[in-house]
N, C-alpha and C. Protein backbone atom coordinates (compact mmCIF):
# COMPACT_ATOMS: atom_id res chain seq x y z
N GLY A 1 -21.41 62.32 59.66
CA GLY A 1 -21.24 61.04 59.03
C GLY A 1 -20.08 60.71 58.49
N GLN A 2 -19.05 61.67 58.43
CA GLN A 2 -17.72 61.41 57.80
C GLN A 2 -16.76 60.64 58.80
N HIS A 3 -15.68 60.53 58.16
CA HIS A 3 -14.47 59.80 59.13
C HIS A 3 -13.50 60.90 59.37
N GLY A 4 -12.69 60.62 60.41
CA GLY A 4 -11.47 61.45 60.72
C GLY A 4 -10.39 60.44 61.16
N PHE A 5 -9.19 60.82 60.93
CA PHE A 5 -7.93 59.86 61.38
C PHE A 5 -7.54 60.62 62.64
N LEU A 6 -7.46 59.59 63.69
CA LEU A 6 -7.13 59.89 64.97
C LEU A 6 -5.81 59.55 65.30
N SER A 7 -4.83 60.27 65.99
CA SER A 7 -3.53 59.96 66.47
C SER A 7 -3.61 60.17 67.97
N VAL A 8 -3.31 58.98 68.70
CA VAL A 8 -3.28 58.82 70.09
C VAL A 8 -1.95 58.84 70.70
N PRO A 9 -1.72 59.66 71.85
CA PRO A 9 -0.31 59.56 72.37
C PRO A 9 0.19 58.32 72.75
N GLY A 10 1.42 57.88 72.50
CA GLY A 10 1.97 56.62 72.90
C GLY A 10 1.82 55.43 71.94
N PHE A 11 1.24 55.74 70.65
CA PHE A 11 1.08 54.77 69.69
C PHE A 11 1.24 55.54 68.29
N ARG A 12 2.16 54.99 67.42
CA ARG A 12 2.46 55.59 66.29
C ARG A 12 1.27 55.35 65.19
N GLY A 13 1.18 56.34 64.26
CA GLY A 13 0.36 56.07 63.08
C GLY A 13 -1.09 56.70 63.58
N MET A 14 -2.00 56.72 62.64
CA MET A 14 -3.34 57.16 62.96
C MET A 14 -4.42 56.05 62.46
N LYS A 15 -5.44 56.20 63.22
CA LYS A 15 -6.53 55.30 63.00
C LYS A 15 -7.74 56.06 62.54
N PRO A 16 -8.50 55.52 61.57
CA PRO A 16 -9.78 56.21 61.17
C PRO A 16 -10.95 55.70 62.03
N PHE A 17 -11.66 56.74 62.34
CA PHE A 17 -13.03 56.62 63.10
C PHE A 17 -14.15 57.30 62.35
N SER A 18 -15.30 56.73 62.52
CA SER A 18 -16.45 57.59 62.12
C SER A 18 -16.83 58.45 63.18
N LEU A 19 -17.19 59.81 62.66
CA LEU A 19 -17.42 60.86 63.74
C LEU A 19 -18.94 60.76 64.13
N ALA A 20 -19.27 60.46 65.31
CA ALA A 20 -20.58 60.55 65.81
C ALA A 20 -21.22 61.94 66.06
N SER A 21 -20.28 63.07 66.12
CA SER A 21 -20.79 64.33 66.37
C SER A 21 -21.05 64.90 65.06
N ALA A 22 -22.04 66.04 65.06
CA ALA A 22 -22.57 66.83 63.85
C ALA A 22 -21.52 67.97 63.86
N PRO A 23 -21.43 68.52 62.61
CA PRO A 23 -20.53 69.61 62.44
C PRO A 23 -20.95 70.75 63.33
N GLU A 24 -22.01 70.82 63.82
CA GLU A 24 -22.40 72.18 64.70
C GLU A 24 -22.01 71.77 66.09
N ASP A 25 -21.70 70.50 66.61
CA ASP A 25 -21.28 70.33 67.79
C ASP A 25 -20.21 70.97 68.41
N ASP A 26 -20.16 71.31 69.47
CA ASP A 26 -18.96 71.81 70.34
C ASP A 26 -17.87 70.86 70.41
N GLU A 27 -17.98 69.45 70.47
CA GLU A 27 -17.10 68.56 70.65
C GLU A 27 -17.11 67.44 69.66
N VAL A 28 -15.85 66.87 69.39
CA VAL A 28 -15.83 65.69 68.47
C VAL A 28 -16.23 64.48 69.09
N VAL A 29 -17.13 63.54 68.89
CA VAL A 29 -17.42 62.60 69.42
C VAL A 29 -17.13 61.21 68.36
N ILE A 30 -16.42 60.35 68.90
CA ILE A 30 -16.19 59.02 68.16
C ILE A 30 -16.95 57.90 69.11
N ALA A 31 -17.13 56.82 68.49
CA ALA A 31 -17.61 55.65 69.20
C ALA A 31 -16.77 54.37 68.84
N THR A 32 -16.57 53.43 69.66
CA THR A 32 -15.66 52.29 69.29
C THR A 32 -15.88 51.33 70.28
N HIS A 33 -15.51 50.10 70.11
CA HIS A 33 -15.54 48.88 70.92
C HIS A 33 -14.14 48.94 71.26
N VAL A 34 -13.86 48.67 72.72
CA VAL A 34 -12.31 48.44 73.14
C VAL A 34 -12.25 46.97 73.33
N HIS A 35 -11.21 46.37 72.62
CA HIS A 35 -10.92 45.05 72.91
C HIS A 35 -9.52 44.88 73.62
N GLN A 36 -9.30 43.87 74.52
CA GLN A 36 -7.95 43.48 75.04
C GLN A 36 -6.98 43.61 74.12
N ALA A 37 -7.11 42.93 72.95
CA ALA A 37 -5.93 42.69 71.96
C ALA A 37 -5.66 44.01 71.17
N ARG A 38 -6.59 45.10 71.22
CA ARG A 38 -6.20 46.06 70.27
C ARG A 38 -5.52 47.18 71.11
N LYS A 39 -4.24 47.45 70.92
CA LYS A 39 -3.47 48.27 71.76
C LYS A 39 -3.97 49.86 71.47
N LYS A 40 -4.26 50.25 70.24
CA LYS A 40 -4.48 51.57 69.98
C LYS A 40 -5.82 52.03 70.59
N LYS A 41 -6.83 51.16 70.71
CA LYS A 41 -8.06 51.32 71.33
C LYS A 41 -7.98 51.32 72.74
N ASN A 42 -6.95 50.50 73.35
CA ASN A 42 -6.67 50.55 74.66
C ASN A 42 -6.14 51.88 75.22
N LYS A 43 -5.20 52.40 74.12
CA LYS A 43 -4.57 53.72 74.58
C LYS A 43 -5.65 54.83 74.47
N LEU A 44 -6.70 54.56 73.68
CA LEU A 44 -7.68 55.59 73.46
C LEU A 44 -8.65 55.66 74.76
N ALA A 45 -8.80 54.36 75.24
CA ALA A 45 -9.65 54.25 76.32
C ALA A 45 -8.92 54.78 77.73
N ASN A 46 -7.54 54.84 77.66
CA ASN A 46 -6.88 55.18 78.80
C ASN A 46 -6.67 56.86 78.70
N LEU A 47 -6.94 57.57 77.91
CA LEU A 47 -6.70 58.89 77.88
C LEU A 47 -7.19 59.59 79.10
N GLN A 48 -6.45 60.57 79.45
CA GLN A 48 -6.64 61.33 80.64
C GLN A 48 -7.06 62.78 80.07
N GLU A 49 -7.81 63.48 81.12
CA GLU A 49 -8.00 65.03 80.61
C GLU A 49 -6.68 65.56 80.36
N GLY A 50 -6.60 66.32 79.52
CA GLY A 50 -5.37 67.23 79.11
C GLY A 50 -4.47 66.41 78.11
N ASP A 51 -4.79 65.16 78.02
CA ASP A 51 -3.92 64.44 76.99
C ASP A 51 -4.15 64.98 75.48
N ILE A 52 -3.35 65.20 74.77
CA ILE A 52 -3.36 65.91 73.43
C ILE A 52 -3.42 64.78 72.35
N VAL A 53 -4.60 64.80 71.62
CA VAL A 53 -4.68 63.95 70.29
C VAL A 53 -4.79 64.69 69.19
N SER A 54 -4.60 64.19 67.93
CA SER A 54 -4.58 64.95 66.89
C SER A 54 -5.75 64.11 65.91
N LEU A 55 -6.47 64.92 65.34
CA LEU A 55 -7.58 64.36 64.43
C LEU A 55 -7.63 65.19 62.99
N ARG A 56 -7.39 64.42 62.02
CA ARG A 56 -7.55 64.94 60.68
C ARG A 56 -8.69 64.55 59.88
N GLY A 57 -9.33 65.48 59.36
CA GLY A 57 -10.67 65.32 58.60
C GLY A 57 -11.54 66.48 58.64
N PRO A 58 -12.69 66.22 58.33
CA PRO A 58 -13.46 65.03 57.90
C PRO A 58 -13.03 64.68 56.60
N ILE A 59 -13.14 63.53 56.27
CA ILE A 59 -12.96 62.84 54.92
C ILE A 59 -13.99 62.03 54.59
N LEU A 60 -14.22 61.55 53.20
CA LEU A 60 -15.20 61.01 52.54
C LEU A 60 -16.48 61.76 52.35
N LYS A 61 -17.26 61.02 51.75
CA LYS A 61 -18.66 61.83 51.35
C LYS A 61 -19.80 61.14 51.75
N PHE A 62 -19.89 60.49 52.96
CA PHE A 62 -21.01 59.86 53.63
C PHE A 62 -21.94 61.03 54.16
N ILE A 63 -22.41 61.90 53.37
CA ILE A 63 -23.15 63.01 53.84
C ILE A 63 -24.56 63.04 53.38
N LEU A 64 -25.35 64.01 53.79
CA LEU A 64 -26.82 64.22 53.28
C LEU A 64 -26.91 64.69 51.85
N ASP A 65 -27.71 64.17 51.12
CA ASP A 65 -28.05 64.86 49.80
C ASP A 65 -29.07 65.80 50.02
N PRO A 66 -28.72 67.16 49.49
CA PRO A 66 -29.83 68.32 49.74
C PRO A 66 -31.08 67.94 49.23
N GLN A 67 -31.16 66.92 48.16
CA GLN A 67 -32.58 66.65 47.47
C GLN A 67 -33.35 65.74 48.39
N ASP A 68 -32.72 65.04 49.33
CA ASP A 68 -33.59 64.02 50.13
C ASP A 68 -34.70 64.56 50.96
N GLU A 69 -35.85 63.98 50.60
CA GLU A 69 -36.99 64.27 51.34
C GLU A 69 -37.33 63.10 52.46
N SER A 70 -36.95 62.02 52.02
CA SER A 70 -37.21 60.78 52.87
C SER A 70 -35.85 59.88 52.71
N ILE A 71 -35.25 59.58 53.97
CA ILE A 71 -34.21 58.84 54.26
C ILE A 71 -34.43 57.59 55.14
N VAL A 72 -33.88 56.58 54.67
CA VAL A 72 -33.73 55.28 55.59
C VAL A 72 -32.28 54.91 55.99
N PHE A 73 -32.09 55.23 57.15
CA PHE A 73 -30.61 54.62 57.71
C PHE A 73 -30.68 53.30 58.15
N ILE A 74 -29.69 52.42 57.53
CA ILE A 74 -29.64 51.05 57.84
C ILE A 74 -28.21 50.94 58.62
N ALA A 75 -28.18 50.40 59.86
CA ALA A 75 -27.13 50.40 60.62
C ALA A 75 -26.88 48.82 61.19
N GLN A 76 -25.71 48.50 61.25
CA GLN A 76 -25.27 47.24 61.87
C GLN A 76 -24.21 47.50 62.86
N GLY A 77 -24.53 47.24 64.10
CA GLY A 77 -23.65 47.28 65.20
C GLY A 77 -23.28 48.67 65.38
N ILE A 78 -21.78 48.97 65.36
CA ILE A 78 -21.20 50.30 65.63
C ILE A 78 -21.52 51.19 64.24
N GLY A 79 -22.11 50.59 63.52
CA GLY A 79 -22.26 51.50 62.10
C GLY A 79 -23.48 52.52 62.44
N ILE A 80 -23.98 52.62 63.58
CA ILE A 80 -24.79 53.56 64.06
C ILE A 80 -24.14 54.86 64.24
N THR A 81 -22.88 54.95 64.41
CA THR A 81 -22.14 56.12 64.68
C THR A 81 -22.34 57.35 63.78
N PRO A 82 -22.19 57.05 62.49
CA PRO A 82 -22.34 58.20 61.58
C PRO A 82 -23.82 58.61 61.38
N PHE A 83 -24.88 57.86 61.70
CA PHE A 83 -26.26 58.07 61.57
C PHE A 83 -26.63 59.11 62.94
N ARG A 84 -25.83 58.83 63.93
CA ARG A 84 -26.13 59.72 65.14
C ARG A 84 -25.71 61.27 64.66
N SER A 85 -24.52 61.30 63.95
CA SER A 85 -24.13 62.54 63.38
C SER A 85 -25.03 63.16 62.41
N LEU A 86 -25.56 62.46 61.47
CA LEU A 86 -26.42 62.93 60.54
C LEU A 86 -27.89 63.29 61.06
N LEU A 87 -28.30 62.45 62.03
CA LEU A 87 -29.62 62.85 62.65
C LEU A 87 -29.44 64.15 63.46
N ARG A 88 -28.38 64.22 64.15
CA ARG A 88 -27.98 65.49 64.80
C ARG A 88 -28.01 66.80 64.04
N HIS A 89 -27.48 66.57 62.91
CA HIS A 89 -27.25 67.64 61.96
C HIS A 89 -28.77 68.08 61.23
N ILE A 90 -29.52 66.99 61.00
CA ILE A 90 -30.93 67.19 60.47
C ILE A 90 -31.68 68.19 61.55
N LYS A 91 -31.56 67.67 62.89
CA LYS A 91 -32.36 68.28 63.93
C LYS A 91 -31.98 69.83 64.06
N HIS A 92 -30.50 70.02 64.00
CA HIS A 92 -29.89 71.39 64.14
C HIS A 92 -30.41 72.24 63.14
N ASP A 93 -30.33 71.79 61.78
CA ASP A 93 -30.59 72.75 60.67
C ASP A 93 -32.07 72.73 60.26
N LYS A 94 -32.85 72.00 61.23
CA LYS A 94 -34.26 71.85 60.97
C LYS A 94 -34.64 71.47 59.39
N LEU A 95 -33.96 70.52 59.05
CA LEU A 95 -34.03 70.05 57.60
C LEU A 95 -35.49 69.33 57.56
N ASN A 96 -36.16 69.62 56.30
CA ASN A 96 -37.41 68.97 56.23
C ASN A 96 -37.38 67.73 55.37
N VAL A 97 -36.91 66.64 56.27
CA VAL A 97 -36.75 65.35 55.79
C VAL A 97 -37.14 64.28 56.68
N GLN A 98 -37.86 63.26 56.20
CA GLN A 98 -38.37 62.24 56.96
C GLN A 98 -37.24 61.12 57.25
N THR A 99 -36.99 60.83 58.40
CA THR A 99 -35.85 59.85 58.50
C THR A 99 -36.43 58.48 59.33
N THR A 100 -35.93 57.28 58.93
CA THR A 100 -36.29 56.14 59.50
C THR A 100 -34.95 55.44 59.70
N LEU A 101 -34.86 54.94 60.88
CA LEU A 101 -33.53 54.29 61.16
C LEU A 101 -34.00 52.86 61.63
N LEU A 102 -33.16 51.78 60.97
CA LEU A 102 -33.19 50.46 61.26
C LEU A 102 -31.81 50.08 61.56
N HIS A 103 -31.87 49.62 62.83
CA HIS A 103 -30.52 49.11 63.47
C HIS A 103 -30.59 47.54 63.77
N VAL A 104 -29.57 46.91 63.36
CA VAL A 104 -29.54 45.52 63.59
C VAL A 104 -28.23 45.22 64.53
N SER A 105 -28.61 44.62 65.77
CA SER A 105 -27.57 44.48 66.57
C SER A 105 -27.85 43.40 67.56
N LYS A 106 -26.97 42.59 68.23
CA LYS A 106 -27.26 41.73 69.28
C LYS A 106 -27.32 42.32 70.69
N GLN A 107 -26.67 43.62 70.61
CA GLN A 107 -26.35 44.29 71.77
C GLN A 107 -27.04 45.70 71.68
N THR A 108 -27.63 46.34 72.63
CA THR A 108 -28.00 47.82 72.56
C THR A 108 -26.76 48.63 72.41
N HIS A 109 -26.96 49.84 72.01
CA HIS A 109 -25.84 50.74 71.85
C HIS A 109 -26.02 51.85 72.52
N THR A 110 -24.86 52.77 72.78
CA THR A 110 -25.04 53.84 73.71
C THR A 110 -25.89 55.03 73.07
N PHE A 111 -26.15 55.13 71.67
CA PHE A 111 -26.86 56.30 71.26
C PHE A 111 -28.34 55.93 70.90
N ARG A 112 -28.66 54.74 71.46
CA ARG A 112 -30.25 54.15 71.07
C ARG A 112 -31.17 55.20 71.70
N GLY A 113 -31.16 55.76 72.99
CA GLY A 113 -32.02 56.66 73.39
C GLY A 113 -32.17 57.89 72.44
N GLU A 114 -30.96 58.51 72.30
CA GLU A 114 -30.91 59.75 71.30
C GLU A 114 -31.38 59.54 70.00
N THR A 115 -30.92 58.42 69.24
CA THR A 115 -31.35 58.16 67.92
C THR A 115 -32.90 57.76 67.75
N GLU A 116 -33.48 57.21 68.99
CA GLU A 116 -34.96 56.88 68.94
C GLU A 116 -35.75 58.33 68.75
N LYS A 117 -35.19 59.33 69.54
CA LYS A 117 -35.76 60.58 69.45
C LYS A 117 -35.50 61.35 68.49
N LEU A 118 -34.39 61.32 67.82
CA LEU A 118 -34.05 62.02 66.65
C LEU A 118 -34.62 61.54 65.28
N ALA A 119 -34.72 60.46 65.23
CA ALA A 119 -35.46 59.87 63.93
C ALA A 119 -36.85 60.02 63.99
N ASN A 120 -37.59 59.96 62.84
CA ASN A 120 -38.98 60.06 62.84
C ASN A 120 -39.51 58.78 63.23
N LYS A 121 -39.02 57.77 62.68
CA LYS A 121 -39.28 56.27 63.06
C LYS A 121 -37.83 55.59 63.36
N SER A 122 -37.94 54.67 64.16
CA SER A 122 -36.73 53.79 64.56
C SER A 122 -37.13 52.42 64.87
N TYR A 123 -36.33 51.64 64.41
CA TYR A 123 -36.47 50.04 64.70
C TYR A 123 -35.34 49.39 65.16
N TYR A 124 -35.18 48.52 66.04
CA TYR A 124 -34.15 47.94 66.59
C TYR A 124 -34.27 46.43 66.62
N VAL A 125 -33.70 45.80 65.84
CA VAL A 125 -33.80 44.22 65.70
C VAL A 125 -32.60 43.62 66.19
N ASN A 126 -32.60 42.32 66.57
CA ASN A 126 -31.44 41.72 67.02
C ASN A 126 -31.17 40.33 66.18
N SER A 127 -31.92 40.06 65.10
CA SER A 127 -31.67 38.99 64.32
C SER A 127 -31.62 39.18 62.65
N SER A 128 -30.98 38.52 61.91
CA SER A 128 -31.00 38.65 60.56
C SER A 128 -32.43 38.34 59.90
N THR A 129 -33.04 37.50 60.52
CA THR A 129 -34.50 37.28 60.09
C THR A 129 -35.21 38.52 60.25
N ASP A 130 -35.34 39.00 61.35
CA ASP A 130 -36.04 40.18 61.77
C ASP A 130 -35.71 41.51 60.84
N PHE A 131 -34.34 41.53 60.83
CA PHE A 131 -33.76 42.49 60.04
C PHE A 131 -34.40 42.57 58.38
N LYS A 132 -34.19 41.46 57.96
CA LYS A 132 -34.72 41.38 56.52
C LYS A 132 -36.19 41.55 56.28
N THR A 133 -36.96 41.17 57.31
CA THR A 133 -38.44 41.36 57.27
C THR A 133 -38.60 42.84 57.45
N LYS A 134 -38.11 43.56 58.37
CA LYS A 134 -38.29 44.85 58.51
C LYS A 134 -37.83 45.72 57.28
N LEU A 135 -36.51 45.42 56.76
CA LEU A 135 -36.12 46.15 55.76
C LEU A 135 -37.02 45.91 54.39
N THR A 136 -37.56 44.80 54.25
CA THR A 136 -38.62 44.62 53.16
C THR A 136 -39.88 45.59 53.27
N GLU A 137 -40.19 45.62 54.57
CA GLU A 137 -41.44 46.33 54.86
C GLU A 137 -41.11 47.77 54.44
N LEU A 138 -39.99 48.30 55.06
CA LEU A 138 -39.50 49.58 54.61
C LEU A 138 -39.36 50.03 53.39
N VAL A 139 -38.81 49.13 52.48
CA VAL A 139 -38.70 49.35 51.03
C VAL A 139 -39.97 49.36 50.37
N GLU A 140 -40.98 48.70 50.83
CA GLU A 140 -42.40 48.56 50.32
C GLU A 140 -43.18 50.09 50.62
N GLU A 141 -42.89 50.42 51.90
CA GLU A 141 -43.49 51.65 52.31
C GLU A 141 -42.75 53.02 51.83
N GLN A 142 -41.47 52.81 51.51
CA GLN A 142 -40.73 54.12 51.09
C GLN A 142 -39.86 53.79 49.88
N PRO A 143 -40.53 53.49 48.66
CA PRO A 143 -39.73 53.09 47.61
C PRO A 143 -38.90 54.26 47.04
N GLU A 144 -39.32 55.53 47.34
CA GLU A 144 -38.69 56.87 46.78
C GLU A 144 -37.57 57.18 47.67
N ALA A 145 -37.38 56.72 48.86
CA ALA A 145 -36.53 57.05 49.91
C ALA A 145 -35.03 56.89 49.52
N ARG A 146 -34.12 57.53 49.95
CA ARG A 146 -32.61 57.57 49.86
C ARG A 146 -32.19 56.45 50.99
N TYR A 147 -31.41 55.35 50.71
CA TYR A 147 -31.16 54.42 51.67
C TYR A 147 -29.58 54.47 51.83
N TYR A 148 -29.31 54.86 53.09
CA TYR A 148 -27.93 54.92 53.63
C TYR A 148 -27.56 53.64 54.43
N ILE A 149 -26.44 52.99 54.16
CA ILE A 149 -26.10 51.78 54.76
C ILE A 149 -24.61 51.91 55.39
N SER A 150 -24.59 51.50 56.80
CA SER A 150 -23.37 51.50 57.48
C SER A 150 -23.04 50.33 58.24
N GLY A 151 -22.02 49.70 58.29
CA GLY A 151 -21.82 48.55 59.14
C GLY A 151 -20.51 47.89 58.64
N GLY A 152 -20.40 46.62 58.96
CA GLY A 152 -19.25 45.93 58.48
C GLY A 152 -19.32 45.66 56.98
N LYS A 153 -18.02 45.37 56.34
CA LYS A 153 -17.96 45.30 55.06
C LYS A 153 -19.00 44.32 54.44
N GLN A 154 -19.14 43.19 54.84
CA GLN A 154 -20.01 42.11 54.36
C GLN A 154 -21.50 42.60 54.49
N PHE A 155 -21.75 43.17 55.56
CA PHE A 155 -23.16 43.75 55.85
C PHE A 155 -23.40 44.71 54.83
N ILE A 156 -22.69 45.55 54.55
CA ILE A 156 -22.85 46.52 53.37
C ILE A 156 -23.04 45.95 52.09
N VAL A 157 -22.18 45.02 51.76
CA VAL A 157 -22.42 44.23 50.53
C VAL A 157 -23.63 43.61 50.43
N ASP A 158 -24.07 42.72 51.39
CA ASP A 158 -25.28 41.88 51.48
C ASP A 158 -26.41 42.85 51.45
N THR A 159 -26.42 43.96 52.28
CA THR A 159 -27.55 44.79 52.49
C THR A 159 -27.83 45.69 51.16
N THR A 160 -26.72 46.02 50.54
CA THR A 160 -26.93 46.46 49.16
C THR A 160 -27.52 45.78 48.19
N LYS A 161 -27.26 44.54 48.19
CA LYS A 161 -27.73 43.50 47.21
C LYS A 161 -29.23 43.26 47.54
N LEU A 162 -29.59 43.29 48.79
CA LEU A 162 -30.83 43.14 49.11
C LEU A 162 -31.81 44.23 48.74
N VAL A 163 -31.37 45.44 49.11
CA VAL A 163 -32.01 46.69 48.62
C VAL A 163 -32.27 46.78 47.43
N LYS A 164 -31.35 46.40 46.37
CA LYS A 164 -31.40 46.40 44.97
C LYS A 164 -32.40 45.41 44.54
N GLN A 165 -32.51 44.31 45.12
CA GLN A 165 -33.38 43.21 44.72
C GLN A 165 -34.72 43.55 45.29
N LEU A 166 -35.00 44.37 46.19
CA LEU A 166 -36.19 44.84 46.57
C LEU A 166 -36.84 45.96 45.70
N GLY A 167 -35.96 46.58 44.74
CA GLY A 167 -36.27 47.67 43.78
C GLY A 167 -35.75 49.03 43.84
N ILE A 168 -34.88 48.99 44.77
CA ILE A 168 -34.06 50.35 44.99
C ILE A 168 -33.01 50.49 44.03
N ILE A 169 -32.93 51.54 43.12
CA ILE A 169 -31.98 51.72 42.21
C ILE A 169 -30.73 52.24 42.97
N GLY A 170 -29.48 51.87 42.33
CA GLY A 170 -28.09 52.24 42.89
C GLY A 170 -27.85 53.61 43.21
N SER A 171 -28.50 54.53 42.40
CA SER A 171 -28.26 56.04 42.65
C SER A 171 -29.06 56.47 43.97
N LYS A 172 -29.96 55.72 44.44
CA LYS A 172 -30.77 55.94 45.79
C LYS A 172 -30.13 55.21 46.86
N ILE A 173 -28.95 54.63 46.82
CA ILE A 173 -28.15 53.96 47.91
C ILE A 173 -26.83 54.69 48.15
N LYS A 174 -26.43 54.88 49.46
CA LYS A 174 -25.18 55.60 49.85
C LYS A 174 -24.77 54.62 50.80
N LYS A 175 -23.34 54.33 50.71
CA LYS A 175 -22.74 53.18 51.57
C LYS A 175 -21.57 54.00 52.25
N ASP A 176 -21.45 53.60 53.60
CA ASP A 176 -20.30 54.15 54.36
C ASP A 176 -19.26 53.20 54.39
N PRO A 177 -17.92 53.41 53.74
CA PRO A 177 -17.02 52.42 53.58
C PRO A 177 -16.43 51.90 54.82
N PHE A 178 -16.63 52.47 56.14
CA PHE A 178 -16.33 51.94 57.32
C PHE A 178 -14.85 51.68 57.46
N LEU A 179 -13.98 52.71 57.16
CA LEU A 179 -12.51 52.63 57.15
C LEU A 179 -11.98 51.96 58.39
N GLY A 180 -11.07 51.11 58.24
CA GLY A 180 -10.25 50.58 59.44
C GLY A 180 -10.81 49.38 60.02
N TYR A 181 -11.73 48.70 59.44
CA TYR A 181 -12.39 47.64 60.06
C TYR A 181 -12.15 46.36 59.01
């Protein structure tokens, strides 16, 4: 669930990415959308086998709390990336934690099949109305859970506010700062 700074051949500087792979995985996996206007992401998409990249990290503390018995992962769009990592880690270490995933996006995502299997419960909605309805249900069902939120900056702000209004205290909320967006 942490970030790494990636340097791609042919482009100066480093770009932060959420890591989709778990610490136990044999390879580092990142996910991103590639847009025509984004030169660095196009360089990334055009990498060939044997190209050398540099990755620094992991950084930040978007990690599991060992005290957690129940977790609700709340993702918007590409914010699913760190939750793939965390869910893979939970499975690998056979952690005794109940996981619920709520993902809101107008598009399906690459990790849906895998995250559906890894989470104890998973919900995929494509509208803000359905998202708010399902989130309200989850808070009512799981008031003692820890809530992890990942997505765009405004999504994190708005969702944190909503979760607090529904009765979850700040110490039970973890937010992914989503660097670089």
